[in-house]
Amino acid sequence: MCLGVPGKIIEIYEQDGVRTGRVDFGGIVKEACLEYVPEAQVGDYTIIHVGFAITQLDEASAQETLALFHQMGVLHEELEPDKAA
């Protein structure tokens, strides 16, 4: 499966000339490219798809989606495939 997963931007920095950030997906933190959402700031929520932030969304929508992914059991499968059950 290949989902777009909402996460909260917790850090923004430049890596090799690319706007990059650390994104928290309800306790799982991953690095993502933020080039496609130049207006995004620390504390904002964004949808990450295959390592790229593709859009912003509000916190309520992000939390609701994360809760649904947890209930379905797909969050860890999507973000940590080598640790999936």
C-alpha atoms as a PDB file:
ATOM      1  CA  MET A   1       0.000   0.000   0.000  1.00  0.00           C
ATOM      2  CA  CYS A   2       1.210   3.537  -0.615  1.00  0.00           C
ATOM      3  CA  LEU A   3      -0.693   6.128   1.389  1.00  0.00           C
ATOM      4  CA  GLY A   4      -0.366   9.852   1.839  1.00  0.00           C
ATOM      5  CA  VAL A   5       0.081  10.160   5.606  1.00  0.00           C
ATOM      6  CA  PRO A   6      -0.524  13.332   7.645  1.00  0.00           C
ATOM      7  CA  GLY A   7       2.225  14.505   9.940  1.00  0.00           C
ATOM      8  CA  LYS A   8       3.307  17.518  11.964  1.00  0.00           C
ATOM      9  CA  ILE A   9       6.440  19.366  10.871  1.00  0.00           C
ATOM     10  CA  ILE A  10       8.754  19.541  13.889  1.00  0.00           C
ATOM     11  CA  GLU A  11      11.912  20.849  12.236  1.00  0.00           C
ATOM     12  CA  ILE A  12      12.836  22.508   8.929  1.00  0.00           C
ATOM     13  CA  TYR A  13      16.332  22.691   7.470  1.00  0.00           C
ATOM     14  CA  GLU A  14      18.178  22.623   4.182  1.00  0.00           C
ATOM     15  CA  GLN A  15      19.940  19.450   3.101  1.00  0.00           C
ATOM     16  CA  ASP A  16      21.989  19.439  -0.091  1.00  0.00           C
ATOM     17  CA  GLY A  17      20.132  22.548  -1.257  1.00  0.00           C
ATOM     18  CA  VAL A  18      16.692  21.006  -0.659  1.00  0.00           C
ATOM     19  CA  ARG A  19      14.125  22.263   1.866  1.00  0.00           C
ATOM     20  CA  THR A  20      13.739  19.297   4.177  1.00  0.00           C
ATOM     21  CA  GLY A  21      12.109  18.609   7.500  1.00  0.00           C
ATOM     22  CA  ARG A  22      11.479  16.147  10.260  1.00  0.00           C
ATOM     23  CA  VAL A  23       7.823  15.169  10.426  1.00  0.00           C
ATOM     24  CA  ASP A  24       6.048  13.481  13.357  1.00  0.00           C
ATOM     25  CA  PHE A  25       3.392  10.924  12.390  1.00  0.00           C
ATOM     26  CA  GLY A  26       1.822  10.336  15.792  1.00  0.00           C
ATOM     27  CA  GLY A  27       5.071   9.214  17.403  1.00  0.00           C
ATOM     28  CA  ILE A  28       6.993   8.021  14.349  1.00  0.00           C
ATOM     29  CA  VAL A  29       9.407  10.697  13.106  1.00  0.00           C
ATOM     30  CA  LYS A  30      10.664  10.635   9.522  1.00  0.00           C
ATOM     31  CA  GLU A  31      12.522  12.989   7.202  1.00  0.00           C
ATOM     32  CA  ALA A  32      10.612  14.448   4.248  1.00  0.00           C
ATOM     33  CA  CYS A  33      11.193  16.834   1.374  1.00  0.00           C
ATOM     34  CA  LEU A  34       9.248  20.093   1.881  1.00  0.00           C
ATOM     35  CA  GLU A  35       9.990  21.697  -1.504  1.00  0.00           C
ATOM     36  CA  TYR A  36       6.378  21.356  -2.712  1.00  0.00           C
ATOM     37  CA  VAL A  37       4.962  23.195   0.325  1.00  0.00           C
ATOM     38  CA  PRO A  38       7.218  26.266   0.602  1.00  0.00           C
ATOM     39  CA  GLU A  39       4.699  28.069   2.843  1.00  0.00           C
ATOM     40  CA  ALA A  40       4.726  25.273   5.466  1.00  0.00           C
ATOM     41  CA  GLN A  41       6.255  26.114   8.835  1.00  0.00           C
ATOM     42  CA  VAL A  42       7.206  24.230  11.998  1.00  0.00           C
ATOM     43  CA  GLY A  43       3.980  23.191  13.716  1.00  0.00           C
ATOM     44  CA  ASP A  44       1.995  22.872  10.473  1.00  0.00           C
ATOM     45  CA  TYR A  45       0.476  19.600   9.317  1.00  0.00           C
ATOM     46  CA  THR A  46       1.137  18.212   5.878  1.00  0.00           C
ATOM     47  CA  ILE A  47       0.406  15.090   3.851  1.00  0.00           C
ATOM     48  CA  ILE A  48       3.560  13.100   3.101  1.00  0.00           C
ATOM     49  CA  HIS A  49       3.580  10.735   0.133  1.00  0.00           C
ATOM     50  CA  VAL A  50       6.699   8.681  -0.663  1.00  0.00           C
ATOM     51  CA  GLY A  51       8.889  11.112   1.288  1.00  0.00           C
ATOM     52  CA  PHE A  52       7.473  14.335  -0.189  1.00  0.00           C
ATOM     53  CA  ALA A  53       5.109  16.816   1.450  1.00  0.00           C
ATOM     54  CA  ILE A  54       2.368  17.370  -1.111  1.00  0.00           C
ATOM     55  CA  THR A  55      -0.163  19.602   0.668  1.00  0.00           C
ATOM     56  CA  GLN A  56      -0.994  21.171   4.009  1.00  0.00           C
ATOM     57  CA  LEU A  57      -4.046  20.417   6.141  1.00  0.00           C
ATOM     58  CA  ASP A  58      -5.539  21.464   9.443  1.00  0.00           C
ATOM     59  CA  GLU A  59      -4.674  19.729  12.718  1.00  0.00           C
ATOM     60  CA  ALA A  60      -8.164  18.275  13.286  1.00  0.00           C
ATOM     61  CA  SER A  61      -8.163  16.558   9.884  1.00  0.00           C
ATOM     62  CA  ALA A  62      -4.631  15.271  10.419  1.00  0.00           C
ATOM     63  CA  GLN A  63      -5.443  13.833  13.863  1.00  0.00           C
ATOM     64  CA  GLU A  64      -8.643  12.217  12.592  1.00  0.00           C
ATOM     65  CA  THR A  65      -6.802  10.567   9.704  1.00  0.00           C
ATOM     66  CA  LEU A  66      -3.956   9.378  11.940  1.00  0.00           C
ATOM     67  CA  ALA A  67      -6.488   7.857  14.360  1.00  0.00           C
ATOM     68  CA  LEU A  68      -8.197   6.019  11.481  1.00  0.00           C
ATOM     69  CA  PHE A  69      -4.857   4.717  10.200  1.00  0.00           C
ATOM     70  CA  HIS A  70      -4.032   3.469  13.726  1.00  0.00           C
ATOM     71  CA  GLN A  71      -7.414   1.711  13.954  1.00  0.00           C
ATOM     72  CA  MET A  72      -6.885   0.095  10.569  1.00  0.00           C
ATOM     73  CA  GLY A  73      -3.378  -0.963  11.565  1.00  0.00           C
ATOM     74  CA  VAL A  74      -1.752   0.568   8.494  1.00  0.00           C
ATOM     75  CA  LEU A  75       0.305   3.404  10.008  1.00  0.00           C
ATOM     76  CA  HIS A  76       3.265   1.304  11.123  1.00  0.00           C
ATOM     77  CA  GLU A  77       3.013  -0.807   7.956  1.00  0.00           C
ATOM     78  CA  GLU A  78       3.227   2.330   5.833  1.00  0.00           C
ATOM     79  CA  LEU A  79       5.943   4.154   7.776  1.00  0.00           C
ATOM     80  CA  GLU A  80       8.062   1.269   9.002  1.00  0.00           C
ATOM     81  CA  PRO A  81       7.586  -1.605   6.543  1.00  0.00           C
ATOM     82  CA  ASP A  82      10.495  -3.598   7.962  1.00  0.00           C
ATOM     83  CA  LYS A  83       8.789  -3.590  11.403  1.00  0.00           C
ATOM     84  CA  ALA A  84       5.282  -4.475  10.238  1.00  0.00           C
ATOM     85  CA  ALA A  85       3.611  -7.555  11.695  1.00  0.00           C
END
